[in-house]
Amino acid sequence: MTGMPVRRRHSPAVYRRRRLVLLIAVLAIAAVVWLLIAQPWAGSASEQPADEMPQAQSTADSLPVPSGGTPNPESTGEVEGSVVEGTTTQTPSPTPTAQPCVASDVSVEAVTSQDSYTGDEAPQFFIKLTNNGADCTLNVGTSAQSFTVMSGSDVWWRSTDCQSEPSDMVVLLGAGQTVSSAAPLTWDRTRSSVDTCADQTRPQAPSGGASYHLSVEIGGIPSTTSKQFLLY
């Protein structure tokens, strides 16, 4: 027959290419649909368990008191409440990225409620610290505190000798923040020893104007100087 159009047959390679292009298109559409429905990125933050989320440290407002002496919250000495007179306590914004405090940025001071004690007055001690650097964290718990009373080179009393149930307490110290003991630690004027904690006949410290020096340490940072006081 004449005048009829002749249909051209394509090679097998052409059909294979067409099928490959069609398969790629179907896979691309399926991938887009899965991304829209499954949203695999949604669980990275909002579904993170609460106990795994970064937590800010509690901000410091005062220091806990060790059990090495007899705390007396009703002290009427120079130090009242949780902050030494003449200083202010700032409340920094909590930050989970604060680094541990650097010793050179923190000043620690030994404080006594009076410069001298007469009769049966019991000396009362405090720790005062100031963060002179950026926001940082520090262990201010009773496990990280020590009070030491010396007369010359003779150590008369250590708060850690008879301390019970020491504990850690890591807090956030704001830049420029000053905090002090929440209550005084009282010294009973006796010589301490790990072997005489329950002994009611421990030697009494000499008085009559005898000079003593208080040194303190907190978070591994010692006081820069000792505080002198007298016993009468």
C-alpha atoms as a PDB file:
ATOM      1  CA  MET A   1       0.000   0.000   0.000  1.00  0.00           C
ATOM      2  CA  THR A   2       1.121   3.530  -0.692  1.00  0.00           C
ATOM      3  CA  GLY A   3       0.522   6.860   1.089  1.00  0.00           C
ATOM      4  CA  MET A   4       0.482   5.296   4.645  1.00  0.00           C
ATOM      5  CA  PRO A   5       2.852   6.923   7.289  1.00  0.00           C
ATOM      6  CA  VAL A   6       5.620   4.718   8.495  1.00  0.00           C
ATOM      7  CA  ARG A   7       5.927   4.404  12.372  1.00  0.00           C
ATOM      8  CA  ARG A   8       9.514   4.583  13.509  1.00  0.00           C
ATOM      9  CA  ARG A   9      10.524   2.101  16.195  1.00  0.00           C
ATOM     10  CA  HIS A  10      12.854   3.414  18.898  1.00  0.00           C
ATOM     11  CA  SER A  11      15.805   1.441  20.093  1.00  0.00           C
ATOM     12  CA  PRO A  12      15.636  -0.446  23.461  1.00  0.00           C
ATOM     13  CA  ALA A  13      18.098   2.084  24.924  1.00  0.00           C
ATOM     14  CA  VAL A  14      15.587   4.911  24.441  1.00  0.00           C
ATOM     15  CA  TYR A  15      12.889   2.998  26.356  1.00  0.00           C
ATOM     16  CA  ARG A  16      15.308   2.225  29.159  1.00  0.00           C
ATOM     17  CA  ARG A  17      16.187   5.928  29.503  1.00  0.00           C
ATOM     18  CA  ARG A  18      12.503   6.884  29.593  1.00  0.00           C
ATOM     19  CA  ARG A  19      11.776   4.315  32.305  1.00  0.00           C
ATOM     20  CA  LEU A  20      14.774   5.553  34.360  1.00  0.00           C
ATOM     21  CA  VAL A  21      13.624   9.183  34.124  1.00  0.00           C
ATOM     22  CA  LEU A  22      10.094   8.149  35.166  1.00  0.00           C
ATOM     23  CA  LEU A  23      11.439   6.155  38.160  1.00  0.00           C
ATOM     24  CA  ILE A  24      13.584   9.096  39.339  1.00  0.00           C
ATOM     25  CA  ALA A  25      10.581  11.446  39.122  1.00  0.00           C
ATOM     26  CA  VAL A  26       8.421   9.050  41.180  1.00  0.00           C
ATOM     27  CA  LEU A  27      11.129   8.696  43.863  1.00  0.00           C
ATOM     28  CA  ALA A  28      11.586  12.489  44.085  1.00  0.00           C
ATOM     29  CA  ILE A  29       7.838  13.026  44.571  1.00  0.00           C
ATOM     30  CA  ALA A  30       7.732  10.316  47.251  1.00  0.00           C
ATOM     31  CA  ALA A  31      10.657  11.897  49.103  1.00  0.00           C
ATOM     32  CA  VAL A  32       8.978  15.324  49.140  1.00  0.00           C
ATOM     33  CA  VAL A  33       5.730  13.839  50.449  1.00  0.00           C
ATOM     34  CA  TRP A  34       7.603  11.954  53.227  1.00  0.00           C
ATOM     35  CA  LEU A  35       9.445  15.101  54.332  1.00  0.00           C
ATOM     36  CA  LEU A  36       6.199  17.071  54.529  1.00  0.00           C
ATOM     37  CA  ILE A  37       4.407  14.387  56.552  1.00  0.00           C
ATOM     38  CA  ALA A  38       7.137  12.908  58.773  1.00  0.00           C
ATOM     39  CA  GLN A  39       9.034  16.163  59.566  1.00  0.00           C
ATOM     40  CA  PRO A  40      12.076  14.321  60.928  1.00  0.00           C
ATOM     41  CA  TRP A  41      13.598  17.600  62.128  1.00  0.00           C
ATOM     42  CA  ALA A  42      10.761  18.317  64.582  1.00  0.00           C
ATOM     43  CA  GLY A  43      11.989  16.047  67.396  1.00  0.00           C
ATOM     44  CA  SER A  44      15.513  17.451  67.759  1.00  0.00           C
ATOM     45  CA  ALA A  45      14.640  20.016  70.461  1.00  0.00           C
ATOM     46  CA  SER A  46      10.957  19.972  71.399  1.00  0.00           C
ATOM     47  CA  GLU A  47      10.922  16.219  72.088  1.00  0.00           C
ATOM     48  CA  GLN A  48      14.186  16.151  74.075  1.00  0.00           C
ATOM     49  CA  PRO A  49      13.538  14.730  77.563  1.00  0.00           C
ATOM     50  CA  ALA A  50      13.415  17.390  80.274  1.00  0.00           C
ATOM     51  CA  ASP A  51      16.132  15.710  82.298  1.00  0.00           C
ATOM     52  CA  GLU A  52      18.508  15.913  79.324  1.00  0.00           C
ATOM     53  CA  MET A  53      17.986  19.608  78.638  1.00  0.00           C
ATOM     54  CA  PRO A  54      20.741  21.977  79.864  1.00  0.00           C
ATOM     55  CA  GLN A  55      19.928  23.239  83.330  1.00  0.00           C
ATOM     56  CA  ALA A  56      21.065  26.554  84.817  1.00  0.00           C
ATOM     57  CA  GLN A  57      22.686  26.479  88.228  1.00  0.00           C
ATOM     58  CA  SER A  58      20.792  27.984  91.170  1.00  0.00           C
ATOM     59  CA  THR A  59      21.894  31.522  91.838  1.00  0.00           C
ATOM     60  CA  ALA A  60      23.690  32.171  95.111  1.00  0.00           C
ATOM     61  CA  ASP A  61      22.073  34.349  97.769  1.00  0.00           C
ATOM     62  CA  SER A  62      23.893  33.061 100.857  1.00  0.00           C
ATOM     63  CA  LEU A  63      26.280  30.330 101.934  1.00  0.00           C
ATOM     64  CA  PRO A  64      25.251  27.220 103.898  1.00  0.00           C
ATOM     65  CA  VAL A  65      26.682  26.773 107.393  1.00  0.00           C
ATOM     66  CA  PRO A  66      28.839  23.746 108.282  1.00  0.00           C
ATOM     67  CA  SER A  67      27.970  21.626 111.308  1.00  0.00           C
ATOM     68  CA  GLY A  68      31.418  21.997 112.864  1.00  0.00           C
ATOM     69  CA  GLY A  69      30.167  24.515 115.414  1.00  0.00           C
ATOM     70  CA  THR A  70      26.926  25.873 116.794  1.00  0.00           C
ATOM     71  CA  PRO A  71      25.184  28.099 114.233  1.00  0.00           C
ATOM     72  CA  ASN A  72      23.326  31.032 115.740  1.00  0.00           C
ATOM     73  CA  PRO A  73      21.009  32.809 113.273  1.00  0.00           C
ATOM     74  CA  GLU A  74      20.182  35.464 115.896  1.00  0.00           C
ATOM     75  CA  SER A  75      23.670  36.940 115.936  1.00  0.00           C
ATOM     76  CA  THR A  76      23.783  40.652 116.712  1.00  0.00           C
ATOM     77  CA  GLY A  77      27.342  41.184 115.445  1.00  0.00           C
ATOM     78  CA  GLU A  78      28.563  43.128 112.437  1.00  0.00           C
ATOM     79  CA  VAL A  79      27.144  40.627 109.982  1.00  0.00           C
ATOM     80  CA  GLU A  80      23.389  40.442 109.635  1.00  0.00           C
ATOM     81  CA  GLY A  81      21.323  38.194 107.413  1.00  0.00           C
ATOM     82  CA  SER A  82      23.084  36.672 104.435  1.00  0.00           C
ATOM     83  CA  VAL A  83      25.174  39.624 103.317  1.00  0.00           C
ATOM     84  CA  VAL A  84      27.874  41.549 105.147  1.00  0.00           C
ATOM     85  CA  GLU A  85      26.869  45.099 106.034  1.00  0.00           C
ATOM     86  CA  GLY A  86      27.799  47.567 103.334  1.00  0.00           C
ATOM     87  CA  THR A  87      27.547  45.123 100.438  1.00  0.00           C
ATOM     88  CA  THR A  88      24.703  44.285  98.092  1.00  0.00           C
ATOM     89  CA  THR A  89      23.658  40.991  96.565  1.00  0.00           C
ATOM     90  CA  GLN A  90      22.903  40.991  92.856  1.00  0.00           C
ATOM     91  CA  THR A  91      20.675  38.390  91.241  1.00  0.00           C
ATOM     92  CA  PRO A  92      22.235  37.399  87.895  1.00  0.00           C
ATOM     93  CA  SER A  93      20.251  35.867  85.068  1.00  0.00           C
ATOM     94  CA  PRO A  94      20.626  32.073  85.139  1.00  0.00           C
ATOM     95  CA  THR A  95      22.934  30.795  82.430  1.00  0.00           C
ATOM     96  CA  PRO A  96      23.633  27.130  81.666  1.00  0.00           C
ATOM     97  CA  THR A  97      26.913  28.033  79.947  1.00  0.00           C
ATOM     98  CA  ALA A  98      28.741  29.613  82.923  1.00  0.00           C
ATOM     99  CA  GLN A  99      32.190  28.159  83.500  1.00  0.00           C
ATOM    100  CA  PRO A 100      33.684  27.175  86.892  1.00  0.00           C
ATOM    101  CA  CYS A 101      35.066  30.144  88.811  1.00  0.00           C
ATOM    102  CA  VAL A 102      38.752  30.954  88.517  1.00  0.00           C
ATOM    103  CA  ALA A 103      40.429  31.320  91.905  1.00  0.00           C
ATOM    104  CA  SER A 104      42.129  34.567  90.904  1.00  0.00           C
ATOM    105  CA  ASP A 105      38.714  36.122  90.162  1.00  0.00           C
ATOM    106  CA  VAL A 106      37.178  35.285  93.561  1.00  0.00           C
ATOM    107  CA  SER A 107      38.184  37.006  96.797  1.00  0.00           C
ATOM    108  CA  VAL A 108      37.459  35.154 100.045  1.00  0.00           C
ATOM    109  CA  GLU A 109      37.435  36.913 103.417  1.00  0.00           C
ATOM    110  CA  ALA A 110      37.310  35.602 106.987  1.00  0.00           C
ATOM    111  CA  VAL A 111      34.854  37.627 109.085  1.00  0.00           C
ATOM    112  CA  THR A 112      34.207  37.659 112.851  1.00  0.00           C
ATOM    113  CA  SER A 113      31.135  39.166 114.507  1.00  0.00           C
ATOM    114  CA  GLN A 114      33.354  41.162 116.886  1.00  0.00           C
ATOM    115  CA  ASP A 115      36.997  42.121 117.245  1.00  0.00           C
ATOM    116  CA  SER A 116      37.126  40.849 120.840  1.00  0.00           C
ATOM    117  CA  TYR A 117      35.070  38.615 123.120  1.00  0.00           C
ATOM    118  CA  THR A 118      34.801  38.829 126.887  1.00  0.00           C
ATOM    119  CA  GLY A 119      33.565  36.527 129.615  1.00  0.00           C
ATOM    120  CA  ASP A 120      31.668  33.609 128.169  1.00  0.00           C
ATOM    121  CA  GLU A 121      31.009  35.235 124.770  1.00  0.00           C
ATOM    122  CA  ALA A 122      31.515  32.682 121.987  1.00  0.00           C
ATOM    123  CA  PRO A 123      33.260  33.905 118.809  1.00  0.00           C
ATOM    124  CA  GLN A 124      31.091  33.762 115.708  1.00  0.00           C
ATOM    125  CA  PHE A 125      32.541  33.306 112.249  1.00  0.00           C
ATOM    126  CA  PHE A 126      31.439  33.966 108.668  1.00  0.00           C
ATOM    127  CA  ILE A 127      32.782  33.530 105.152  1.00  0.00           C
ATOM    128  CA  LYS A 128      32.422  36.398 102.714  1.00  0.00           C
ATOM    129  CA  LEU A 129      33.219  35.978  99.029  1.00  0.00           C
ATOM    130  CA  THR A 130      33.110  38.304  96.040  1.00  0.00           C
ATOM    131  CA  ASN A 131      33.163  37.319  92.375  1.00  0.00           C
ATOM    132  CA  ASN A 132      35.355  39.872  90.609  1.00  0.00           C
ATOM    133  CA  GLY A 133      35.104  38.115  87.239  1.00  0.00           C
ATOM    134  CA  ALA A 134      32.342  37.033  84.871  1.00  0.00           C
ATOM    135  CA  ASP A 135      29.385  34.825  85.829  1.00  0.00           C
ATOM    136  CA  CYS A 136      30.764  31.488  87.037  1.00  0.00           C
ATOM    137  CA  THR A 137      29.884  28.437  89.122  1.00  0.00           C
ATOM    138  CA  LEU A 138      31.410  27.422  92.458  1.00  0.00           C
ATOM    139  CA  ASN A 139      30.881  24.675  94.997  1.00  0.00           C
ATOM    140  CA  VAL A 140      29.938  26.578  98.187  1.00  0.00           C
ATOM    141  CA  GLY A 141      28.547  23.553 100.045  1.00  0.00           C
ATOM    142  CA  THR A 142      29.578  22.596 103.562  1.00  0.00           C
ATOM    143  CA  SER A 143      31.936  19.993 102.091  1.00  0.00           C
ATOM    144  CA  ALA A 144      33.887  22.809 100.443  1.00  0.00           C
ATOM    145  CA  GLN A 145      34.161  25.074 103.512  1.00  0.00           C
ATOM    146  CA  SER A 146      36.682  25.187 106.320  1.00  0.00           C
ATOM    147  CA  PHE A 147      37.259  27.535 109.278  1.00  0.00           C
ATOM    148  CA  THR A 148      40.575  27.437 111.140  1.00  0.00           C
ATOM    149  CA  VAL A 149      41.524  29.239 114.365  1.00  0.00           C
ATOM    150  CA  MET A 150      45.214  29.643 115.157  1.00  0.00           C
ATOM    151  CA  SER A 151      47.251  31.269 117.887  1.00  0.00           C
ATOM    152  CA  GLY A 152      50.625  31.931 116.363  1.00  0.00           C
ATOM    153  CA  SER A 153      51.550  28.659 114.647  1.00  0.00           C
ATOM    154  CA  ASP A 154      49.352  26.609 116.975  1.00  0.00           C
ATOM    155  CA  VAL A 155      46.108  25.356 115.394  1.00  0.00           C
ATOM    156  CA  TRP A 156      43.417  25.528 118.066  1.00  0.00           C
ATOM    157  CA  TRP A 157      40.269  24.666 116.144  1.00  0.00           C
ATOM    158  CA  ARG A 158      39.143  23.397 112.738  1.00  0.00           C
ATOM    159  CA  SER A 159      35.516  23.247 111.673  1.00  0.00           C
ATOM    160  CA  THR A 160      36.233  20.101 109.657  1.00  0.00           C
ATOM    161  CA  ASP A 161      37.495  18.094 112.663  1.00  0.00           C
ATOM    162  CA  CYS A 162      34.001  17.257 113.924  1.00  0.00           C
ATOM    163  CA  GLN A 163      31.867  18.139 110.908  1.00  0.00           C
ATOM    164  CA  SER A 164      28.912  15.870 110.183  1.00  0.00           C
ATOM    165  CA  GLU A 165      27.113  15.199 106.897  1.00  0.00           C
ATOM    166  CA  PRO A 166      29.054  17.569 104.628  1.00  0.00           C
ATOM    167  CA  SER A 167      27.411  18.167 101.264  1.00  0.00           C
ATOM    168  CA  ASP A 168      28.114  19.866  97.938  1.00  0.00           C
ATOM    169  CA  MET A 169      26.163  22.856  96.628  1.00  0.00           C
ATOM    170  CA  VAL A 170      27.222  24.276  93.252  1.00  0.00           C
ATOM    171  CA  VAL A 171      25.771  27.738  92.641  1.00  0.00           C
ATOM    172  CA  LEU A 172      25.976  30.473  90.047  1.00  0.00           C
ATOM    173  CA  LEU A 173      27.859  33.589  91.134  1.00  0.00           C
ATOM    174  CA  GLY A 174      27.042  36.685  89.120  1.00  0.00           C
ATOM    175  CA  ALA A 175      29.722  39.101  88.016  1.00  0.00           C
ATOM    176  CA  GLY A 176      30.464  41.455  90.926  1.00  0.00           C
ATOM    177  CA  GLN A 177      28.242  39.508  93.324  1.00  0.00           C
ATOM    178  CA  THR A 178      29.080  39.350  97.045  1.00  0.00           C
ATOM    179  CA  VAL A 179      27.621  36.676  99.317  1.00  0.00           C
ATOM    180  CA  SER A 180      28.222  35.646 102.909  1.00  0.00           C
ATOM    181  CA  SER A 181      27.289  32.890 105.348  1.00  0.00           C
ATOM    182  CA  ALA A 182      23.552  32.705 106.008  1.00  0.00           C
ATOM    183  CA  ALA A 183      24.273  32.350 109.744  1.00  0.00           C
ATOM    184  CA  PRO A 184      27.396  32.419 111.926  1.00  0.00           C
ATOM    185  CA  LEU A 185      29.448  29.393 112.877  1.00  0.00           C
ATOM    186  CA  THR A 186      30.166  29.478 116.625  1.00  0.00           C
ATOM    187  CA  TRP A 187      33.418  28.416 118.261  1.00  0.00           C
ATOM    188  CA  ASP A 188      33.115  27.111 121.820  1.00  0.00           C
ATOM    189  CA  ARG A 189      36.656  28.266 122.686  1.00  0.00           C
ATOM    190  CA  THR A 190      37.991  24.709 122.991  1.00  0.00           C
ATOM    191  CA  ARG A 191      40.768  22.868 121.160  1.00  0.00           C
ATOM    192  CA  SER A 192      39.324  20.609 118.460  1.00  0.00           C
ATOM    193  CA  SER A 193      40.461  17.162 117.382  1.00  0.00           C
ATOM    194  CA  VAL A 194      38.894  14.386 115.353  1.00  0.00           C
ATOM    195  CA  ASP A 195      39.333  12.154 118.419  1.00  0.00           C
ATOM    196  CA  THR A 196      37.639  14.453 120.959  1.00  0.00           C
ATOM    197  CA  CYS A 197      34.407  15.517 119.245  1.00  0.00           C
ATOM    198  CA  ALA A 198      32.234  14.102 122.056  1.00  0.00           C
ATOM    199  CA  ASP A 199      34.645  15.037 124.834  1.00  0.00           C
ATOM    200  CA  GLN A 200      33.162  17.587 127.236  1.00  0.00           C
ATOM    201  CA  THR A 201      36.544  18.257 128.851  1.00  0.00           C
ATOM    202  CA  ARG A 202      38.472  19.581 125.858  1.00  0.00           C
ATOM    203  CA  PRO A 203      41.077  22.231 126.780  1.00  0.00           C
ATOM    204  CA  GLN A 204      39.762  25.788 126.910  1.00  0.00           C
ATOM    205  CA  ALA A 205      41.563  28.424 124.835  1.00  0.00           C
ATOM    206  CA  PRO A 206      43.529  30.912 126.975  1.00  0.00           C
ATOM    207  CA  SER A 207      41.935  34.345 127.306  1.00  0.00           C
ATOM    208  CA  GLY A 208      43.133  37.450 129.139  1.00  0.00           C
ATOM    209  CA  GLY A 209      43.658  39.328 125.883  1.00  0.00           C
ATOM    210  CA  ALA A 210      45.110  36.391 123.961  1.00  0.00           C
ATOM    211  CA  SER A 211      45.266  36.937 120.187  1.00  0.00           C
ATOM    212  CA  TYR A 212      43.819  34.465 117.667  1.00  0.00           C
ATOM    213  CA  HIS A 213      43.505  34.456 113.883  1.00  0.00           C
ATOM    214  CA  LEU A 214      40.664  33.072 111.779  1.00  0.00           C
ATOM    215  CA  SER A 215      41.352  31.729 108.272  1.00  0.00           C
ATOM    216  CA  VAL A 216      38.688  30.320 105.951  1.00  0.00           C
ATOM    217  CA  GLU A 217      38.474  28.456 102.670  1.00  0.00           C
ATOM    218  CA  ILE A 218      35.580  27.802 100.303  1.00  0.00           C
ATOM    219  CA  GLY A 219      35.456  25.991  96.968  1.00  0.00           C
ATOM    220  CA  GLY A 220      39.188  25.391  97.175  1.00  0.00           C
ATOM    221  CA  ILE A 221      39.883  29.138  97.455  1.00  0.00           C
ATOM    222  CA  PRO A 222      41.513  30.298 100.716  1.00  0.00           C
ATOM    223  CA  SER A 223      41.058  33.698 102.313  1.00  0.00           C
ATOM    224  CA  THR A 224      43.761  36.151 101.270  1.00  0.00           C
ATOM    225  CA  THR A 225      44.407  37.187 104.880  1.00  0.00           C
ATOM    226  CA  SER A 226      43.400  35.990 108.320  1.00  0.00           C
ATOM    227  CA  LYS A 227      41.119  37.924 110.694  1.00  0.00           C
ATOM    228  CA  GLN A 228      42.531  38.715 114.135  1.00  0.00           C
ATOM    229  CA  PHE A 229      40.351  38.696 117.258  1.00  0.00           C
ATOM    230  CA  LEU A 230      41.020  38.734 120.988  1.00  0.00           C
ATOM    231  CA  LEU A 231      39.695  36.643 123.868  1.00  0.00           C
ATOM    232  CA  TYR A 232      39.228  38.210 127.338  1.00  0.00           C
END
